Structure formats: C-alpha cells, structure tokens
C-alpha cells in the first residue's frame, strides 16, 4: 500500500472515531507561514484525488507540482495567453499532458459546472468572488486563497438537502 493511502486511511479512521462528518470540525483558516507553497497547503488539506484547479497558474511550475497523485486531474487558469503557452510547454516536457492542463481564463466566471471542483488554489493577485468559489466546489470541497500573511481556507458546507451518513445504506 502506498504511503499516501495509509496516511489518508488513518485520517479517515481518526475522523470517523472523533465524531467528524465529512468536513465537519475542520478549521476555516490555515495558520501557514507567508512562505508556504500551494503544494504544502494542498498536502495539508489531505485531498489526494479529484479535480484541482490552480487560478493564476503563471508558467505552470506550481501547477505541475499540484498533481500529487495519479488520481488528481489538475487544471491551471491564467489571464495571460503567454503564461498559458509556457505552462503547456512545461507540462509536455514533464510528460504530464492530459492529467495537467492550462487554459486561458477571462476572469469573469470559472469555466466549470456547479459542484465539480474538489480543491481550488487561488494565487495572490488573482480574484474570484466567494459565491463563484462556492458554486464550483463540491460539498466539503476546499478553496485555498493566498493572502499577504499566508493562506485562507474556505470549505463548502454540505447543502441541507443532501444527507450525510457513515455507512452504506445507513447500516453497519
């Protein structure tokens, strides 16, 4: 078993025995140092699969490192077509094409359906409205917003119309 799988299983076990539901009891802010990288923040989230979106990807250096698992699909968004081209070249050179991509972004709305993105990493200098973040995040999906003094963390709550249980078909 891979080390990340063991760690993830332990987190789930501890979380289930401590009374957490999925995402319940998680802090709303991270006390990371101002120099913490997006990768360190993502690793602190415990997420190792799903769709990870990096807003303000620049030349793709950080975006490429966000593919922490073969179970992640990562997409970088940037306002600059020059940055997008540089990011795509980087991904091709690293053999990440298909799993890590870059797209030019207009900055108005995020190009995703509702409840699709598992992790949203927003670099300093990029701006996404809170309502727009919550629209694209899955329930219990997490947005990390880089600020001057570190990273802020926003977790999308579970909608009241979606039930929450720990066992298949409510049975042990």
C-alpha atoms as a PDB file:
ATOM      1  CA  UNK A   1       0.000   0.000   0.000  1.00  0.00           C
ATOM      2  CA  UNK A   2       1.307   3.460  -0.871  1.00  0.00           C
ATOM      3  CA  UNK A   3       2.332   5.769   1.960  1.00  0.00           C
ATOM      4  CA  UNK A   4      -0.288   8.366   0.927  1.00  0.00           C
ATOM      5  CA  UNK A   5      -3.033   5.718   1.058  1.00  0.00           C
ATOM      6  CA  UNK A   6      -2.022   4.708   4.572  1.00  0.00           C
ATOM      7  CA  UNK A   7      -1.978   8.325   5.759  1.00  0.00           C
ATOM      8  CA  UNK A   8      -5.341   9.020   4.110  1.00  0.00           C
ATOM      9  CA  UNK A   9      -6.840   5.877   5.722  1.00  0.00           C
ATOM     10  CA  UNK A  10      -5.553   6.965   9.141  1.00  0.00           C
ATOM     11  CA  UNK A  11      -7.055  10.437   8.700  1.00  0.00           C
ATOM     12  CA  UNK A  12     -10.400   8.872   7.782  1.00  0.00           C
ATOM     13  CA  UNK A  13     -10.235   6.476  10.741  1.00  0.00           C
ATOM     14  CA  UNK A  14      -9.360   9.218  13.212  1.00  0.00           C
ATOM     15  CA  UNK A  15     -12.008  11.493  11.731  1.00  0.00           C
ATOM     16  CA  UNK A  16     -14.724   8.843  11.914  1.00  0.00           C
ATOM     17  CA  UNK A  17     -13.906   7.903  15.514  1.00  0.00           C
ATOM     18  CA  UNK A  18     -13.719  11.518  16.668  1.00  0.00           C
ATOM     19  CA  UNK A  19     -17.258  12.294  15.543  1.00  0.00           C
ATOM     20  CA  UNK A  20     -16.478  14.326  12.456  1.00  0.00           C
ATOM     21  CA  UNK A  21     -18.692  14.047   9.442  1.00  0.00           C
ATOM     22  CA  UNK A  22     -17.021  14.709   6.105  1.00  0.00           C
ATOM     23  CA  UNK A  23     -15.534  18.150   6.590  1.00  0.00           C
ATOM     24  CA  UNK A  24     -17.190  18.842   9.929  1.00  0.00           C
ATOM     25  CA  UNK A  25     -14.925  20.263  12.577  1.00  0.00           C
ATOM     26  CA  UNK A  26     -12.281  21.394  10.092  1.00  0.00           C
ATOM     27  CA  UNK A  27     -10.768  24.820  10.704  1.00  0.00           C
ATOM     28  CA  UNK A  28     -11.788  27.618   8.365  1.00  0.00           C
ATOM     29  CA  UNK A  29      -8.317  29.164   8.213  1.00  0.00           C
ATOM     30  CA  UNK A  30      -4.862  27.699   7.959  1.00  0.00           C
ATOM     31  CA  UNK A  31      -2.128  29.066  10.128  1.00  0.00           C
ATOM     32  CA  UNK A  32       0.531  28.644   7.463  1.00  0.00           C
ATOM     33  CA  UNK A  33       3.559  30.859   7.166  1.00  0.00           C
ATOM     34  CA  UNK A  34       3.503  33.506   4.462  1.00  0.00           C
ATOM     35  CA  UNK A  35       6.110  31.488   2.572  1.00  0.00           C
ATOM     36  CA  UNK A  36       4.053  28.267   2.442  1.00  0.00           C
ATOM     37  CA  UNK A  37       3.705  26.987  -1.082  1.00  0.00           C
ATOM     38  CA  UNK A  38       0.453  25.965  -2.733  1.00  0.00           C
ATOM     39  CA  UNK A  39       1.692  22.363  -2.667  1.00  0.00           C
ATOM     40  CA  UNK A  40       2.224  22.481   1.124  1.00  0.00           C
ATOM     41  CA  UNK A  41      -1.277  23.882   1.566  1.00  0.00           C
ATOM     42  CA  UNK A  42      -2.762  21.200  -0.703  1.00  0.00           C
ATOM     43  CA  UNK A  43      -0.933  18.450   1.177  1.00  0.00           C
ATOM     44  CA  UNK A  44      -2.230  19.895   4.457  1.00  0.00           C
ATOM     45  CA  UNK A  45      -5.780  19.520   3.111  1.00  0.00           C
ATOM     46  CA  UNK A  46      -5.486  15.743   2.949  1.00  0.00           C
ATOM     47  CA  UNK A  47      -7.001  15.650  -0.548  1.00  0.00           C
ATOM     48  CA  UNK A  48      -5.272  13.285  -2.947  1.00  0.00           C
ATOM     49  CA  UNK A  49      -7.821  12.789  -5.717  1.00  0.00           C
ATOM     50  CA  UNK A  50     -10.318  14.651  -7.863  1.00  0.00           C
ATOM     51  CA  UNK A  51     -10.181  17.909  -9.778  1.00  0.00           C
ATOM     52  CA  UNK A  52      -7.684  20.504  -8.552  1.00  0.00           C
ATOM     53  CA  UNK A  53      -7.864  23.975 -10.129  1.00  0.00           C
ATOM     54  CA  UNK A  54      -4.997  26.465  -9.853  1.00  0.00           C
ATOM     55  CA  UNK A  55      -6.106  30.057 -10.563  1.00  0.00           C
ATOM     56  CA  UNK A  56      -3.226  32.327 -11.555  1.00  0.00           C
ATOM     57  CA  UNK A  57      -1.022  29.457 -12.708  1.00  0.00           C
ATOM     58  CA  UNK A  58       1.667  31.612 -14.331  1.00  0.00           C
ATOM     59  CA  UNK A  59       4.204  29.458 -16.185  1.00  0.00           C
ATOM     60  CA  UNK A  60       2.820  26.243 -14.650  1.00  0.00           C
ATOM     61  CA  UNK A  61       5.662  25.469 -12.248  1.00  0.00           C
ATOM     62  CA  UNK A  62       3.430  25.230  -9.171  1.00  0.00           C
ATOM     63  CA  UNK A  63       0.535  23.778 -11.179  1.00  0.00           C
ATOM     64  CA  UNK A  64       2.664  20.792 -12.225  1.00  0.00           C
ATOM     65  CA  UNK A  65       3.546  20.064  -8.590  1.00  0.00           C
ATOM     66  CA  UNK A  66      -0.139  20.021  -7.584  1.00  0.00           C
ATOM     67  CA  UNK A  67      -0.563  16.659  -9.342  1.00  0.00           C
ATOM     68  CA  UNK A  68       0.337  14.896  -6.092  1.00  0.00           C
ATOM     69  CA  UNK A  69      -1.395  11.679  -7.056  1.00  0.00           C
ATOM     70  CA  UNK A  70      -2.295   9.734 -10.186  1.00  0.00           C
ATOM     71  CA  UNK A  71      -5.889  10.210  -9.010  1.00  0.00           C
ATOM     72  CA  UNK A  72      -5.708  14.005  -9.472  1.00  0.00           C
ATOM     73  CA  UNK A  73      -6.546  15.967 -12.573  1.00  0.00           C
ATOM     74  CA  UNK A  74      -5.110  19.479 -12.383  1.00  0.00           C
ATOM     75  CA  UNK A  75      -6.035  22.491 -14.480  1.00  0.00           C
ATOM     76  CA  UNK A  76      -4.284  25.836 -14.368  1.00  0.00           C
ATOM     77  CA  UNK A  77      -6.110  29.021 -15.303  1.00  0.00           C
ATOM     78  CA  UNK A  78      -4.384  32.267 -16.220  1.00  0.00           C
ATOM     79  CA  UNK A  79      -5.372  35.585 -17.782  1.00  0.00           C
ATOM     80  CA  UNK A  80      -2.234  35.703 -19.948  1.00  0.00           C
ATOM     81  CA  UNK A  81      -2.046  33.625 -23.154  1.00  0.00           C
ATOM     82  CA  UNK A  82       1.767  33.799 -22.880  1.00  0.00           C
ATOM     83  CA  UNK A  83       1.643  32.179 -19.423  1.00  0.00           C
ATOM     84  CA  UNK A  84      -0.765  29.503 -20.659  1.00  0.00           C
ATOM     85  CA  UNK A  85       1.561  28.637 -23.567  1.00  0.00           C
ATOM     86  CA  UNK A  86       4.553  28.443 -21.205  1.00  0.00           C
ATOM     87  CA  UNK A  87       2.595  26.229 -18.797  1.00  0.00           C
ATOM     88  CA  UNK A  88       1.531  23.879 -21.595  1.00  0.00           C
ATOM     89  CA  UNK A  89       5.139  23.592 -22.775  1.00  0.00           C
ATOM     90  CA  UNK A  90       6.225  22.763 -19.216  1.00  0.00           C
ATOM     91  CA  UNK A  91       3.535  20.061 -18.856  1.00  0.00           C
ATOM     92  CA  UNK A  92       4.508  18.500 -22.188  1.00  0.00           C
ATOM     93  CA  UNK A  93       8.194  18.478 -21.233  1.00  0.00           C
ATOM     94  CA  UNK A  94       7.361  16.757 -17.923  1.00  0.00           C
ATOM     95  CA  UNK A  95       5.081  14.185 -19.572  1.00  0.00           C
ATOM     96  CA  UNK A  96       2.016  15.472 -17.737  1.00  0.00           C
ATOM     97  CA  UNK A  97      -0.174  16.239 -20.774  1.00  0.00           C
ATOM     98  CA  UNK A  98      -3.747  15.151 -20.214  1.00  0.00           C
ATOM     99  CA  UNK A  99      -3.508  14.960 -16.450  1.00  0.00           C
ATOM    100  CA  UNK A 100      -2.299  18.553 -16.022  1.00  0.00           C
ATOM    101  CA  UNK A 101      -3.586  21.227 -18.404  1.00  0.00           C
ATOM    102  CA  UNK A 102      -3.708  25.009 -18.710  1.00  0.00           C
ATOM    103  CA  UNK A 103      -6.414  27.225 -20.092  1.00  0.00           C
ATOM    104  CA  UNK A 104      -6.752  30.930 -20.731  1.00  0.00           C
ATOM    105  CA  UNK A 105      -9.309  32.429 -18.382  1.00  0.00           C
ATOM    106  CA  UNK A 106     -11.266  35.650 -18.812  1.00  0.00           C
ATOM    107  CA  UNK A 107     -11.530  36.265 -15.086  1.00  0.00           C
ATOM    108  CA  UNK A 108     -15.314  36.667 -15.055  1.00  0.00           C
ATOM    109  CA  UNK A 109     -16.539  33.219 -14.028  1.00  0.00           C
ATOM    110  CA  UNK A 110     -14.804  29.898 -13.524  1.00  0.00           C
ATOM    111  CA  UNK A 111     -15.315  27.556 -16.515  1.00  0.00           C
ATOM    112  CA  UNK A 112     -16.773  24.653 -14.511  1.00  0.00           C
ATOM    113  CA  UNK A 113     -20.185  23.199 -13.751  1.00  0.00           C
ATOM    114  CA  UNK A 114     -21.641  23.546 -10.284  1.00  0.00           C
ATOM    115  CA  UNK A 115     -20.229  21.205  -7.605  1.00  0.00           C
ATOM    116  CA  UNK A 116     -17.362  19.874  -9.745  1.00  0.00           C
ATOM    117  CA  UNK A 117     -14.045  21.102  -8.257  1.00  0.00           C
ATOM    118  CA  UNK A 118     -12.544  19.332  -5.228  1.00  0.00           C
ATOM    119  CA  UNK A 119      -9.743  21.828  -4.496  1.00  0.00           C
ATOM    120  CA  UNK A 120      -9.379  25.396  -5.708  1.00  0.00           C
ATOM    121  CA  UNK A 121      -5.997  27.110  -5.209  1.00  0.00           C
ATOM    122  CA  UNK A 122      -6.079  30.851  -5.846  1.00  0.00           C
ATOM    123  CA  UNK A 123      -2.746  32.654  -6.099  1.00  0.00           C
ATOM    124  CA  UNK A 124      -2.234  36.154  -4.765  1.00  0.00           C
ATOM    125  CA  UNK A 125      -3.161  38.681  -7.439  1.00  0.00           C
ATOM    126  CA  UNK A 126      -6.000  36.536  -8.805  1.00  0.00           C
ATOM    127  CA  UNK A 127      -9.528  37.328  -7.783  1.00  0.00           C
ATOM    128  CA  UNK A 128     -12.518  35.007  -7.605  1.00  0.00           C
ATOM    129  CA  UNK A 129     -15.756  36.006  -5.890  1.00  0.00           C
ATOM    130  CA  UNK A 130     -16.693  33.886  -2.876  1.00  0.00           C
ATOM    131  CA  UNK A 131     -20.059  32.970  -4.437  1.00  0.00           C
ATOM    132  CA  UNK A 132     -18.254  31.779  -7.573  1.00  0.00           C
ATOM    133  CA  UNK A 133     -15.854  29.653  -5.494  1.00  0.00           C
ATOM    134  CA  UNK A 134     -18.726  28.037  -3.633  1.00  0.00           C
ATOM    135  CA  UNK A 135     -20.630  27.443  -6.879  1.00  0.00           C
ATOM    136  CA  UNK A 136     -17.903  25.277  -8.434  1.00  0.00           C
ATOM    137  CA  UNK A 137     -16.703  23.489  -5.275  1.00  0.00           C
ATOM    138  CA  UNK A 138     -18.129  20.093  -4.351  1.00  0.00           C
ATOM    139  CA  UNK A 139     -19.750  19.817  -0.930  1.00  0.00           C
ATOM    140  CA  UNK A 140     -16.807  19.785   1.509  1.00  0.00           C
ATOM    141  CA  UNK A 141     -14.582  20.980  -1.347  1.00  0.00           C
ATOM    142  CA  UNK A 142     -11.872  23.392  -0.265  1.00  0.00           C
ATOM    143  CA  UNK A 143     -10.618  26.699  -1.628  1.00  0.00           C
ATOM    144  CA  UNK A 144      -7.201  27.975  -0.588  1.00  0.00           C
ATOM    145  CA  UNK A 145      -6.716  31.704  -1.155  1.00  0.00           C
ATOM    146  CA  UNK A 146      -3.210  33.130  -0.910  1.00  0.00           C
ATOM    147  CA  UNK A 147      -3.129  36.294   1.134  1.00  0.00           C
ATOM    148  CA  UNK A 148      -0.333  38.594   2.238  1.00  0.00           C
ATOM    149  CA  UNK A 149       0.116  36.815   5.565  1.00  0.00           C
ATOM    150  CA  UNK A 150      -0.482  33.229   4.440  1.00  0.00           C
ATOM    151  CA  UNK A 151      -3.333  31.114   3.114  1.00  0.00           C
ATOM    152  CA  UNK A 152      -7.035  31.356   3.928  1.00  0.00           C
ATOM    153  CA  UNK A 153      -9.120  28.194   3.706  1.00  0.00           C
ATOM    154  CA  UNK A 154     -12.791  28.076   2.750  1.00  0.00           C
ATOM    155  CA  UNK A 155     -14.684  24.770   2.980  1.00  0.00           C
ATOM    156  CA  UNK A 156     -18.001  24.494   1.162  1.00  0.00           C
ATOM    157  CA  UNK A 157     -20.653  23.205   3.549  1.00  0.00           C
ATOM    158  CA  UNK A 158     -22.906  20.263   2.771  1.00  0.00           C
ATOM    159  CA  UNK A 159     -26.264  21.532   1.481  1.00  0.00           C
ATOM    160  CA  UNK A 160     -29.153  20.686   3.848  1.00  0.00           C
ATOM    161  CA  UNK A 161     -30.967  18.731   1.123  1.00  0.00           C
ATOM    162  CA  UNK A 162     -28.056  16.248   0.892  1.00  0.00           C
ATOM    163  CA  UNK A 163     -27.980  13.622   3.626  1.00  0.00           C
ATOM    164  CA  UNK A 164     -24.815  12.633   5.487  1.00  0.00           C
ATOM    165  CA  UNK A 165     -24.128   9.141   6.805  1.00  0.00           C
ATOM    166  CA  UNK A 166     -21.152   7.000   7.598  1.00  0.00           C
ATOM    167  CA  UNK A 167     -22.285   3.564   6.347  1.00  0.00           C
ATOM    168  CA  UNK A 168     -23.647   2.258   3.079  1.00  0.00           C
ATOM    169  CA  UNK A 169     -27.467   2.201   3.158  1.00  0.00           C
ATOM    170  CA  UNK A 170     -27.386   3.502   6.774  1.00  0.00           C
ATOM    171  CA  UNK A 171     -26.286   0.089   8.034  1.00  0.00           C
ATOM    172  CA  UNK A 172     -23.116  -1.095   9.732  1.00  0.00           C
END
